[in-house]
Amino acid sequence: TVDWRVTDDNLLYALYALGTKPGGFNSTVAIEAGVPTFDEEEVDSFEIGSKNVFANGSVIANYAAFYNDVSGYQLTQNVQNRETGNTSSATVNAGDADIYGLEAEIMAQLTENWRLTFNYAWADTEFTDGVDQNQGVLNDVADNGFVDCSTGDQFPDVPGCTSAYGSIVGKSIPRVAEHQAFADLEWRVPMNQGDWEFFAGANYVYESSKYAQVHNLAETGDTSLINARVGVANDTYSIQLYGRNLTGEDTPFNVLRYAEPESFRRNFAISPRRDTFFGLIATANW
């Protein structure tokens, strides 16, 4: 990490990091299906940014731009033992990917009573190398509607037809939102009861659609959430009544691909989002 404190309130920095996610062994079914292990995933991460304080400390603004070069990206893949018909989820090294992004964070004390918090993140992801078994099946079916290895046989020396694996170059990384935003507005006012304060606030959360899998076909859809809270607090105690997902947003929290046992048909499982709900939080700090 290299940083330069331009002034007492402004900092510029640049950093580089190398990280790895260990490889490992898959399940017994995956081993029988010919996918016994997977290699480590490695990422070279570069980031530049600025951290700032403005208006005599009433505004904090932080900005960053980053680039990640990922090698051996680990992704789940459905596999099947062709002799027994057993299916399982296995981790494979799908390929290499680039991730470009920007982040911004602003916290502002607008007045004595009003405070604003805003965050935004943009991430552009793209596979630069790699193949996927199911993408190969999609390519095989696309020309004539049949899985008949018309695009090539991945294992010509093995009896039966296994569609040639398809390229995923140019596809986005699944389950990653390109845009994320958060805005929160809070009002606080002293009460005529010692050091107690009354507060009320609301926030808006946005997340753009996420793909369920590397084929970039099924996706969650854009998500917008509105939450609110009201309560009282002092230096020791806090009581807060909150409401979450006030508009009843019903986009799924996540979508995962899987294969049905025996038929090995591709399918999807969703994690449903919780509907509007309310709660109470009480805390004490001694």
C-alpha atoms as a PDB file:
ATOM      1  CA  THR A   1       0.000   0.000   0.000  1.00  0.00           C
ATOM      2  CA  VAL A   2       1.205   3.493  -0.893  1.00  0.00           C
ATOM      3  CA  ASP A   3      -0.587   6.586   0.376  1.00  0.00           C
ATOM      4  CA  TRP A   4      -0.091  10.340   0.244  1.00  0.00           C
ATOM      5  CA  ARG A   5      -1.712  12.662   2.757  1.00  0.00           C
ATOM      6  CA  VAL A   6      -2.304  15.712   0.578  1.00  0.00           C
ATOM      7  CA  THR A   7      -3.727  17.676   3.523  1.00  0.00           C
ATOM      8  CA  ASP A   8      -4.842  16.773   7.024  1.00  0.00           C
ATOM      9  CA  ASP A   9      -8.282  16.032   5.550  1.00  0.00           C
ATOM     10  CA  ASN A  10      -7.413  14.427   2.200  1.00  0.00           C
ATOM     11  CA  LEU A  11      -5.653  11.144   1.499  1.00  0.00           C
ATOM     12  CA  LEU A  12      -4.775   9.462  -1.807  1.00  0.00           C
ATOM     13  CA  TYR A  13      -3.762   5.800  -1.881  1.00  0.00           C
ATOM     14  CA  ALA A  14      -2.932   2.871  -4.148  1.00  0.00           C
ATOM     15  CA  LEU A  15      -2.694  -0.790  -3.227  1.00  0.00           C
ATOM     16  CA  TYR A  16      -1.933  -4.188  -4.678  1.00  0.00           C
ATOM     17  CA  ALA A  17      -2.922  -7.523  -3.154  1.00  0.00           C
ATOM     18  CA  LEU A  18      -2.529 -11.160  -4.164  1.00  0.00           C
ATOM     19  CA  GLY A  19      -5.075 -13.599  -2.793  1.00  0.00           C
ATOM     20  CA  THR A  20      -5.870 -17.276  -3.195  1.00  0.00           C
ATOM     21  CA  LYS A  21      -8.838 -19.509  -2.480  1.00  0.00           C
ATOM     22  CA  PRO A  22      -7.610 -23.053  -1.801  1.00  0.00           C
ATOM     23  CA  GLY A  23      -8.409 -25.978  -4.051  1.00  0.00           C
ATOM     24  CA  GLY A  24      -9.874 -29.197  -2.715  1.00  0.00           C
ATOM     25  CA  PHE A  25     -11.741 -32.461  -3.211  1.00  0.00           C
ATOM     26  CA  ASN A  26     -15.295 -32.919  -4.473  1.00  0.00           C
ATOM     27  CA  SER A  27     -17.906 -35.429  -3.300  1.00  0.00           C
ATOM     28  CA  THR A  28     -17.753 -39.164  -3.943  1.00  0.00           C
ATOM     29  CA  VAL A  29     -20.327 -38.900  -6.762  1.00  0.00           C
ATOM     30  CA  ALA A  30     -18.291 -36.131  -8.400  1.00  0.00           C
ATOM     31  CA  ILE A  31     -15.141 -38.237  -8.087  1.00  0.00           C
ATOM     32  CA  GLU A  32     -16.943 -41.150  -9.778  1.00  0.00           C
ATOM     33  CA  ALA A  33     -18.098 -38.740 -12.496  1.00  0.00           C
ATOM     34  CA  GLY A  34     -14.505 -37.790 -13.251  1.00  0.00           C
ATOM     35  CA  VAL A  35     -14.292 -34.486 -11.351  1.00  0.00           C
ATOM     36  CA  PRO A  36     -12.346 -35.492  -8.227  1.00  0.00           C
ATOM     37  CA  THR A  37     -10.570 -32.221  -7.418  1.00  0.00           C
ATOM     38  CA  PHE A  38     -10.394 -28.531  -8.229  1.00  0.00           C
ATOM     39  CA  ASP A  39      -7.406 -26.178  -8.236  1.00  0.00           C
ATOM     40  CA  GLU A  40      -6.967 -22.998  -6.235  1.00  0.00           C
ATOM     41  CA  GLU A  41      -8.437 -19.707  -7.408  1.00  0.00           C
ATOM     42  CA  GLU A  42      -6.014 -16.781  -7.542  1.00  0.00           C
ATOM     43  CA  VAL A  43      -6.682 -13.051  -7.810  1.00  0.00           C
ATOM     44  CA  ASP A  44      -4.422 -10.065  -8.431  1.00  0.00           C
ATOM     45  CA  SER A  45      -6.177  -7.006  -7.002  1.00  0.00           C
ATOM     46  CA  PHE A  46      -5.373  -3.369  -7.796  1.00  0.00           C
ATOM     47  CA  GLU A  47      -7.083  -0.365  -6.204  1.00  0.00           C
ATOM     48  CA  ILE A  48      -6.667   3.402  -6.165  1.00  0.00           C
ATOM     49  CA  GLY A  49      -8.766   5.745  -4.090  1.00  0.00           C
ATOM     50  CA  SER A  50      -9.253   8.871  -2.056  1.00  0.00           C
ATOM     51  CA  LYS A  51     -10.485   9.450   1.511  1.00  0.00           C
ATOM     52  CA  ASN A  52     -11.653  12.958   2.366  1.00  0.00           C
ATOM     53  CA  VAL A  53     -13.166  15.094   5.093  1.00  0.00           C
ATOM     54  CA  PHE A  54     -14.918  18.337   4.098  1.00  0.00           C
ATOM     55  CA  ALA A  55     -16.887  21.180   5.702  1.00  0.00           C
ATOM     56  CA  ASN A  56     -15.086  21.050   9.046  1.00  0.00           C
ATOM     57  CA  GLY A  57     -15.781  17.357   9.495  1.00  0.00           C
ATOM     58  CA  SER A  58     -19.470  17.381   8.600  1.00  0.00           C
ATOM     59  CA  VAL A  59     -18.915  15.542   5.298  1.00  0.00           C
ATOM     60  CA  ILE A  60     -16.895  12.371   4.752  1.00  0.00           C
ATOM     61  CA  ALA A  61     -16.394  11.283   1.134  1.00  0.00           C
ATOM     62  CA  ASN A  62     -14.454   8.201   0.063  1.00  0.00           C
ATOM     63  CA  TYR A  63     -13.918   7.008  -3.516  1.00  0.00           C
ATOM     64  CA  ALA A  64     -12.201   3.968  -5.019  1.00  0.00           C
ATOM     65  CA  ALA A  65     -11.595   2.296  -8.364  1.00  0.00           C
ATOM     66  CA  PHE A  66     -10.428  -1.307  -8.576  1.00  0.00           C
ATOM     67  CA  TYR A  67      -9.452  -4.064 -10.986  1.00  0.00           C
ATOM     68  CA  ASN A  68      -9.272  -7.770 -10.152  1.00  0.00           C
ATOM     69  CA  ASP A  69      -7.596 -10.320 -12.405  1.00  0.00           C
ATOM     70  CA  VAL A  70      -8.979 -13.733 -11.420  1.00  0.00           C
ATOM     71  CA  SER A  71      -7.387 -17.017 -12.505  1.00  0.00           C
ATOM     72  CA  GLY A  72      -9.079 -20.394 -12.080  1.00  0.00           C
ATOM     73  CA  TYR A  73     -12.430 -18.943 -10.987  1.00  0.00           C
ATOM     74  CA  GLN A  74     -14.186 -21.568  -8.854  1.00  0.00           C
ATOM     75  CA  LEU A  75     -17.797 -22.280  -9.821  1.00  0.00           C
ATOM     76  CA  THR A  76     -20.249 -25.074  -9.048  1.00  0.00           C
ATOM     77  CA  GLN A  77     -21.102 -27.474 -11.859  1.00  0.00           C
ATOM     78  CA  ASN A  78     -23.652 -30.288 -11.984  1.00  0.00           C
ATOM     79  CA  VAL A  79     -22.033 -33.655 -12.751  1.00  0.00           C
ATOM     80  CA  GLN A  80     -23.440 -37.146 -13.285  1.00  0.00           C
ATOM     81  CA  ASN A  81     -22.027 -40.625 -12.992  1.00  0.00           C
ATOM     82  CA  ARG A  82     -23.129 -42.019 -16.375  1.00  0.00           C
ATOM     83  CA  GLU A  83     -23.010 -45.610 -15.135  1.00  0.00           C
ATOM     84  CA  THR A  84     -25.159 -45.177 -12.010  1.00  0.00           C
ATOM     85  CA  GLY A  85     -27.110 -42.038 -12.983  1.00  0.00           C
ATOM     86  CA  ASN A  86     -26.221 -40.381  -9.644  1.00  0.00           C
ATOM     87  CA  THR A  87     -25.871 -36.600  -9.784  1.00  0.00           C
ATOM     88  CA  SER A  88     -23.990 -34.154  -7.596  1.00  0.00           C
ATOM     89  CA  SER A  89     -22.765 -30.584  -7.453  1.00  0.00           C
ATOM     90  CA  ALA A  90     -19.034 -30.232  -7.968  1.00  0.00           C
ATOM     91  CA  THR A  91     -16.657 -27.294  -7.789  1.00  0.00           C
ATOM     92  CA  VAL A  92     -14.700 -26.705 -10.986  1.00  0.00           C
ATOM     93  CA  ASN A  93     -12.275 -24.083 -12.232  1.00  0.00           C
ATOM     94  CA  ALA A  94     -14.489 -22.392 -14.796  1.00  0.00           C
ATOM     95  CA  GLY A  95     -11.813 -20.104 -16.237  1.00  0.00           C
ATOM     96  CA  ASP A  96     -10.297 -16.651 -15.887  1.00  0.00           C
ATOM     97  CA  ALA A  97     -12.178 -13.388 -15.328  1.00  0.00           C
ATOM     98  CA  ASP A  98     -11.679  -9.637 -15.137  1.00  0.00           C
ATOM     99  CA  ILE A  99     -13.564  -7.454 -12.657  1.00  0.00           C
ATOM    100  CA  TYR A 100     -13.584  -3.658 -12.958  1.00  0.00           C
ATOM    101  CA  GLY A 101     -15.343  -1.517 -10.385  1.00  0.00           C
ATOM    102  CA  LEU A 102     -16.002   1.820  -8.728  1.00  0.00           C
ATOM    103  CA  GLU A 103     -17.147   2.585  -5.203  1.00  0.00           C
ATOM    104  CA  ALA A 104     -18.325   5.799  -3.571  1.00  0.00           C
ATOM    105  CA  GLU A 105     -19.272   6.480   0.050  1.00  0.00           C
ATOM    106  CA  ILE A 106     -20.621   9.782   1.386  1.00  0.00           C
ATOM    107  CA  MET A 107     -21.708  10.595   4.948  1.00  0.00           C
ATOM    108  CA  ALA A 108     -22.989  14.113   5.548  1.00  0.00           C
ATOM    109  CA  GLN A 109     -24.338  15.871   8.631  1.00  0.00           C
ATOM    110  CA  LEU A 110     -26.750  18.100   6.713  1.00  0.00           C
ATOM    111  CA  THR A 111     -27.944  20.060   9.745  1.00  0.00           C
ATOM    112  CA  GLU A 112     -27.774  19.639  13.490  1.00  0.00           C
ATOM    113  CA  ASN A 113     -30.616  17.114  13.264  1.00  0.00           C
ATOM    114  CA  TRP A 114     -30.383  15.572   9.766  1.00  0.00           C
ATOM    115  CA  ARG A 115     -27.766  13.054   8.605  1.00  0.00           C
ATOM    116  CA  LEU A 116     -27.407  11.505   5.128  1.00  0.00           C
ATOM    117  CA  THR A 117     -25.501   8.352   4.175  1.00  0.00           C
ATOM    118  CA  PHE A 118     -25.033   7.246   0.567  1.00  0.00           C
ATOM    119  CA  ASN A 119     -23.117   4.320  -0.939  1.00  0.00           C
ATOM    120  CA  TYR A 120     -22.787   3.206  -4.555  1.00  0.00           C
ATOM    121  CA  ALA A 121     -20.848   0.345  -6.129  1.00  0.00           C
ATOM    122  CA  TRP A 122     -20.424  -0.627  -9.781  1.00  0.00           C
ATOM    123  CA  ALA A 123     -18.834  -3.902 -10.868  1.00  0.00           C
ATOM    124  CA  ASP A 124     -18.304  -5.010 -14.468  1.00  0.00           C
ATOM    125  CA  THR A 125     -17.407  -8.702 -14.619  1.00  0.00           C
ATOM    126  CA  GLU A 126     -16.395 -10.751 -17.645  1.00  0.00           C
ATOM    127  CA  PHE A 127     -14.898 -14.171 -18.240  1.00  0.00           C
ATOM    128  CA  THR A 128     -11.811 -13.887 -20.426  1.00  0.00           C
ATOM    129  CA  ASP A 129     -11.199 -17.629 -20.715  1.00  0.00           C
ATOM    130  CA  GLY A 130     -13.023 -20.836 -19.849  1.00  0.00           C
ATOM    131  CA  VAL A 131     -15.607 -23.440 -20.861  1.00  0.00           C
ATOM    132  CA  ASP A 132     -18.742 -24.866 -19.254  1.00  0.00           C
ATOM    133  CA  GLN A 133     -20.380 -28.261 -19.714  1.00  0.00           C
ATOM    134  CA  ASN A 134     -23.965 -26.964 -19.706  1.00  0.00           C
ATOM    135  CA  GLN A 135     -23.059 -24.172 -22.117  1.00  0.00           C
ATOM    136  CA  GLY A 136     -21.923 -26.933 -24.459  1.00  0.00           C
ATOM    137  CA  VAL A 137     -25.331 -28.628 -24.168  1.00  0.00           C
ATOM    138  CA  LEU A 138     -27.072 -25.327 -24.934  1.00  0.00           C
ATOM    139  CA  ASN A 139     -24.884 -24.872 -28.012  1.00  0.00           C
ATOM    140  CA  ASP A 140     -25.589 -28.457 -29.081  1.00  0.00           C
ATOM    141  CA  VAL A 141     -29.362 -28.017 -28.785  1.00  0.00           C
ATOM    142  CA  ALA A 142     -29.435 -24.580 -30.437  1.00  0.00           C
ATOM    143  CA  ASP A 143     -28.873 -25.816 -33.999  1.00  0.00           C
ATOM    144  CA  ASN A 144     -31.422 -28.622 -34.301  1.00  0.00           C
ATOM    145  CA  GLY A 145     -33.164 -29.011 -30.932  1.00  0.00           C
ATOM    146  CA  PHE A 146     -31.402 -32.249 -29.985  1.00  0.00           C
ATOM    147  CA  VAL A 147     -28.486 -33.281 -27.766  1.00  0.00           C
ATOM    148  CA  ASP A 148     -26.685 -35.200 -30.486  1.00  0.00           C
ATOM    149  CA  CYS A 149     -23.126 -33.835 -30.296  1.00  0.00           C
ATOM    150  CA  SER A 150     -23.690 -31.905 -33.529  1.00  0.00           C
ATOM    151  CA  THR A 151     -21.191 -29.319 -32.252  1.00  0.00           C
ATOM    152  CA  GLY A 152     -18.639 -31.969 -31.312  1.00  0.00           C
ATOM    153  CA  ASP A 153     -18.109 -34.783 -28.785  1.00  0.00           C
ATOM    154  CA  GLN A 154     -16.130 -33.807 -25.680  1.00  0.00           C
ATOM    155  CA  PHE A 155     -14.994 -37.398 -25.068  1.00  0.00           C
ATOM    156  CA  PRO A 156     -14.916 -39.169 -28.453  1.00  0.00           C
ATOM    157  CA  ASP A 157     -13.156 -42.212 -26.971  1.00  0.00           C
ATOM    158  CA  VAL A 158     -15.919 -42.753 -24.374  1.00  0.00           C
ATOM    159  CA  PRO A 159     -19.103 -44.578 -25.429  1.00  0.00           C
ATOM    160  CA  GLY A 160     -22.147 -42.317 -25.685  1.00  0.00           C
ATOM    161  CA  CYS A 161     -22.451 -38.668 -26.597  1.00  0.00           C
ATOM    162  CA  THR A 162     -21.158 -35.832 -24.423  1.00  0.00           C
ATOM    163  CA  SER A 163     -21.625 -32.411 -26.020  1.00  0.00           C
ATOM    164  CA  ALA A 164     -18.421 -30.460 -26.529  1.00  0.00           C
ATOM    165  CA  TYR A 165     -18.020 -27.970 -23.676  1.00  0.00           C
ATOM    166  CA  GLY A 166     -19.003 -24.430 -24.687  1.00  0.00           C
ATOM    167  CA  SER A 167     -16.965 -21.250 -24.328  1.00  0.00           C
ATOM    168  CA  ILE A 168     -18.042 -18.758 -21.632  1.00  0.00           C
ATOM    169  CA  VAL A 169     -15.746 -15.969 -22.812  1.00  0.00           C
ATOM    170  CA  GLY A 170     -17.602 -12.663 -22.576  1.00  0.00           C
ATOM    171  CA  LYS A 171     -20.144 -13.950 -20.037  1.00  0.00           C
ATOM    172  CA  SER A 172     -20.682 -12.165 -16.724  1.00  0.00           C
ATOM    173  CA  ILE A 173     -19.880 -13.837 -13.405  1.00  0.00           C
ATOM    174  CA  PRO A 174     -23.114 -15.255 -11.921  1.00  0.00           C
ATOM    175  CA  ARG A 175     -24.694 -13.984  -8.686  1.00  0.00           C
ATOM    176  CA  VAL A 176     -22.891 -10.631  -8.893  1.00  0.00           C
ATOM    177  CA  ALA A 177     -24.908  -7.411  -9.242  1.00  0.00           C
ATOM    178  CA  GLU A 178     -23.496  -4.778 -11.594  1.00  0.00           C
ATOM    179  CA  HIS A 179     -25.037  -1.877  -9.639  1.00  0.00           C
ATOM    180  CA  GLN A 180     -25.665  -1.537  -5.908  1.00  0.00           C
ATOM    181  CA  ALA A 181     -26.823   1.600  -4.112  1.00  0.00           C
ATOM    182  CA  PHE A 182     -27.831   2.534  -0.567  1.00  0.00           C
ATOM    183  CA  ALA A 183     -29.237   5.836   0.708  1.00  0.00           C
ATOM    184  CA  ASP A 184     -30.205   6.514   4.322  1.00  0.00           C
ATOM    185  CA  LEU A 185     -31.717   9.672   5.857  1.00  0.00           C
ATOM    186  CA  GLU A 186     -32.007  10.037   9.633  1.00  0.00           C
ATOM    187  CA  TRP A 187     -33.472  12.739  11.900  1.00  0.00           C
ATOM    188  CA  ARG A 188     -32.406  13.056  15.544  1.00  0.00           C
ATOM    189  CA  VAL A 189     -33.668  15.538  18.123  1.00  0.00           C
ATOM    190  CA  PRO A 190     -33.001  15.853  21.890  1.00  0.00           C
ATOM    191  CA  MET A 191     -35.836  14.980  24.258  1.00  0.00           C
ATOM    192  CA  ASN A 192     -36.679  16.788  27.462  1.00  0.00           C
ATOM    193  CA  GLN A 193     -35.702  13.674  29.394  1.00  0.00           C
ATOM    194  CA  GLY A 194     -32.042  13.807  30.424  1.00  0.00           C
ATOM    195  CA  ASP A 195     -29.689  12.718  27.643  1.00  0.00           C
ATOM    196  CA  TRP A 196     -32.321  10.861  25.591  1.00  0.00           C
ATOM    197  CA  GLU A 197     -32.716  11.469  21.848  1.00  0.00           C
ATOM    198  CA  PHE A 198     -35.612  10.658  19.552  1.00  0.00           C
ATOM    199  CA  PHE A 199     -34.702   9.407  16.083  1.00  0.00           C
ATOM    200  CA  ALA A 200     -36.465   8.369  12.915  1.00  0.00           C
ATOM    201  CA  GLY A 201     -34.989   7.249   9.633  1.00  0.00           C
ATOM    202  CA  ALA A 202     -35.562   5.465   6.367  1.00  0.00           C
ATOM    203  CA  ASN A 203     -33.346   3.963   3.709  1.00  0.00           C
ATOM    204  CA  TYR A 204     -33.537   2.779   0.128  1.00  0.00           C
ATOM    205  CA  VAL A 205     -31.551  -0.212  -1.142  1.00  0.00           C
ATOM    206  CA  TYR A 206     -31.119  -1.010  -4.835  1.00  0.00           C
ATOM    207  CA  GLU A 207     -29.453  -4.024  -6.420  1.00  0.00           C
ATOM    208  CA  SER A 208     -29.471  -4.662 -10.148  1.00  0.00           C
ATOM    209  CA  SER A 209     -30.372  -8.064 -11.547  1.00  0.00           C
ATOM    210  CA  LYS A 210     -28.008 -10.988 -10.947  1.00  0.00           C
ATOM    211  CA  TYR A 211     -27.568 -13.926 -13.302  1.00  0.00           C
ATOM    212  CA  ALA A 212     -28.285 -17.354 -11.858  1.00  0.00           C
ATOM    213  CA  GLN A 213     -25.523 -19.088 -13.801  1.00  0.00           C
ATOM    214  CA  VAL A 214     -22.664 -18.524 -16.171  1.00  0.00           C
ATOM    215  CA  HIS A 215     -24.893 -18.801 -19.263  1.00  0.00           C
ATOM    216  CA  ASN A 216     -26.407 -15.383 -18.385  1.00  0.00           C
ATOM    217  CA  LEU A 217     -29.958 -16.501 -19.177  1.00  0.00           C
ATOM    218  CA  ALA A 218     -31.991 -16.865 -15.953  1.00  0.00           C
ATOM    219  CA  GLU A 219     -31.726 -13.872 -13.596  1.00  0.00           C
ATOM    220  CA  THR A 220     -33.224 -12.483 -10.409  1.00  0.00           C
ATOM    221  CA  GLY A 221     -34.473  -9.122 -11.710  1.00  0.00           C
ATOM    222  CA  ASP A 222     -33.752  -5.706 -10.195  1.00  0.00           C
ATOM    223  CA  THR A 223     -34.426  -5.313  -6.474  1.00  0.00           C
ATOM    224  CA  SER A 224     -35.621  -2.196  -4.617  1.00  0.00           C
ATOM    225  CA  LEU A 225     -36.142  -2.233  -0.852  1.00  0.00           C
ATOM    226  CA  ILE A 226     -37.461   0.456   1.490  1.00  0.00           C
ATOM    227  CA  ASN A 227     -36.871   0.173   5.232  1.00  0.00           C
ATOM    228  CA  ALA A 228     -37.733   2.504   8.116  1.00  0.00           C
ATOM    229  CA  ARG A 229     -37.075   2.852  11.843  1.00  0.00           C
ATOM    230  CA  VAL A 230     -38.095   4.987  14.823  1.00  0.00           C
ATOM    231  CA  GLY A 231     -36.896   4.971  18.403  1.00  0.00           C
ATOM    232  CA  VAL A 232     -35.197   6.585  21.368  1.00  0.00           C
ATOM    233  CA  ALA A 233     -31.620   6.279  22.593  1.00  0.00           C
ATOM    234  CA  ASN A 234     -28.977   7.614  24.942  1.00  0.00           C
ATOM    235  CA  ASP A 235     -25.377   6.622  25.617  1.00  0.00           C
ATOM    236  CA  THR A 236     -26.468   3.457  27.449  1.00  0.00           C
ATOM    237  CA  TYR A 237     -29.850   2.320  26.120  1.00  0.00           C
ATOM    238  CA  SER A 238     -31.593   2.161  22.762  1.00  0.00           C
ATOM    239  CA  ILE A 239     -35.095   1.062  21.774  1.00  0.00           C
ATOM    240  CA  GLN A 240     -35.932   0.859  18.070  1.00  0.00           C
ATOM    241  CA  LEU A 241     -39.049  -0.188  16.170  1.00  0.00           C
ATOM    242  CA  TYR A 242     -38.278  -1.079  12.558  1.00  0.00           C
ATOM    243  CA  GLY A 243     -40.028  -2.121   9.381  1.00  0.00           C
ATOM    244  CA  ARG A 244     -38.281  -3.942   6.531  1.00  0.00           C
ATOM    245  CA  ASN A 245     -39.231  -4.382   2.874  1.00  0.00           C
ATOM    246  CA  LEU A 246     -42.162  -2.000   3.280  1.00  0.00           C
ATOM    247  CA  THR A 247     -43.154  -2.222  -0.405  1.00  0.00           C
ATOM    248  CA  GLY A 248     -43.298  -6.037  -0.418  1.00  0.00           C
ATOM    249  CA  GLU A 249     -40.480  -6.554  -2.946  1.00  0.00           C
ATOM    250  CA  ASP A 250     -40.697 -10.166  -4.127  1.00  0.00           C
ATOM    251  CA  THR A 251     -37.641 -10.647  -6.351  1.00  0.00           C
ATOM    252  CA  PRO A 252     -35.715 -13.739  -5.217  1.00  0.00           C
ATOM    253  CA  PHE A 253     -32.782 -13.198  -2.903  1.00  0.00           C
ATOM    254  CA  ASN A 254     -30.722 -15.640  -4.952  1.00  0.00           C
ATOM    255  CA  VAL A 255     -31.064 -18.228  -7.719  1.00  0.00           C
ATOM    256  CA  LEU A 256     -28.955 -21.374  -8.025  1.00  0.00           C
ATOM    257  CA  ARG A 257     -28.771 -23.861 -10.871  1.00  0.00           C
ATOM    258  CA  TYR A 258     -28.936 -27.576 -10.187  1.00  0.00           C
ATOM    259  CA  ALA A 259     -29.718 -30.809 -11.991  1.00  0.00           C
ATOM    260  CA  GLU A 260     -32.634 -33.085 -11.153  1.00  0.00           C
ATOM    261  CA  PRO A 261     -31.580 -36.567 -10.016  1.00  0.00           C
ATOM    262  CA  GLU A 262     -31.768 -39.346 -12.602  1.00  0.00           C
ATOM    263  CA  SER A 263     -33.036 -37.176 -15.493  1.00  0.00           C
ATOM    264  CA  PHE A 264     -30.158 -34.699 -15.035  1.00  0.00           C
ATOM    265  CA  ARG A 265     -32.479 -31.946 -16.321  1.00  0.00           C
ATOM    266  CA  ARG A 266     -31.187 -28.455 -15.605  1.00  0.00           C
ATOM    267  CA  ASN A 267     -33.342 -26.615 -13.118  1.00  0.00           C
ATOM    268  CA  PHE A 268     -33.237 -23.699 -10.709  1.00  0.00           C
ATOM    269  CA  ALA A 269     -33.798 -23.231  -7.000  1.00  0.00           C
ATOM    270  CA  ILE A 270     -34.645 -19.770  -5.661  1.00  0.00           C
ATOM    271  CA  SER A 271     -34.222 -18.251  -2.212  1.00  0.00           C
ATOM    272  CA  PRO A 272     -37.456 -16.279  -1.704  1.00  0.00           C
ATOM    273  CA  ARG A 273     -37.248 -12.824  -0.190  1.00  0.00           C
ATOM    274  CA  ARG A 274     -38.972 -12.206   3.127  1.00  0.00           C
ATOM    275  CA  ASP A 275     -42.153 -10.154   2.773  1.00  0.00           C
ATOM    276  CA  THR A 276     -42.853  -6.976   4.765  1.00  0.00           C
ATOM    277  CA  PHE A 277     -42.094  -7.486   8.456  1.00  0.00           C
ATOM    278  CA  PHE A 278     -41.664  -5.447  11.630  1.00  0.00           C
ATOM    279  CA  GLY A 279     -39.555  -5.860  14.725  1.00  0.00           C
ATOM    280  CA  LEU A 280     -38.273  -4.322  17.939  1.00  0.00           C
ATOM    281  CA  ILE A 281     -34.644  -4.017  19.011  1.00  0.00           C
ATOM    282  CA  ALA A 282     -33.571  -3.089  22.542  1.00  0.00           C
ATOM    283  CA  THR A 283     -29.916  -2.712  23.493  1.00  0.00           C
ATOM    284  CA  ALA A 284     -27.971  -1.845  26.614  1.00  0.00           C
ATOM    285  CA  ASN A 285     -24.280  -0.982  26.848  1.00  0.00           C
ATOM    286  CA  TRP A 286     -22.644  -0.861  30.271  1.00  0.00           C
END
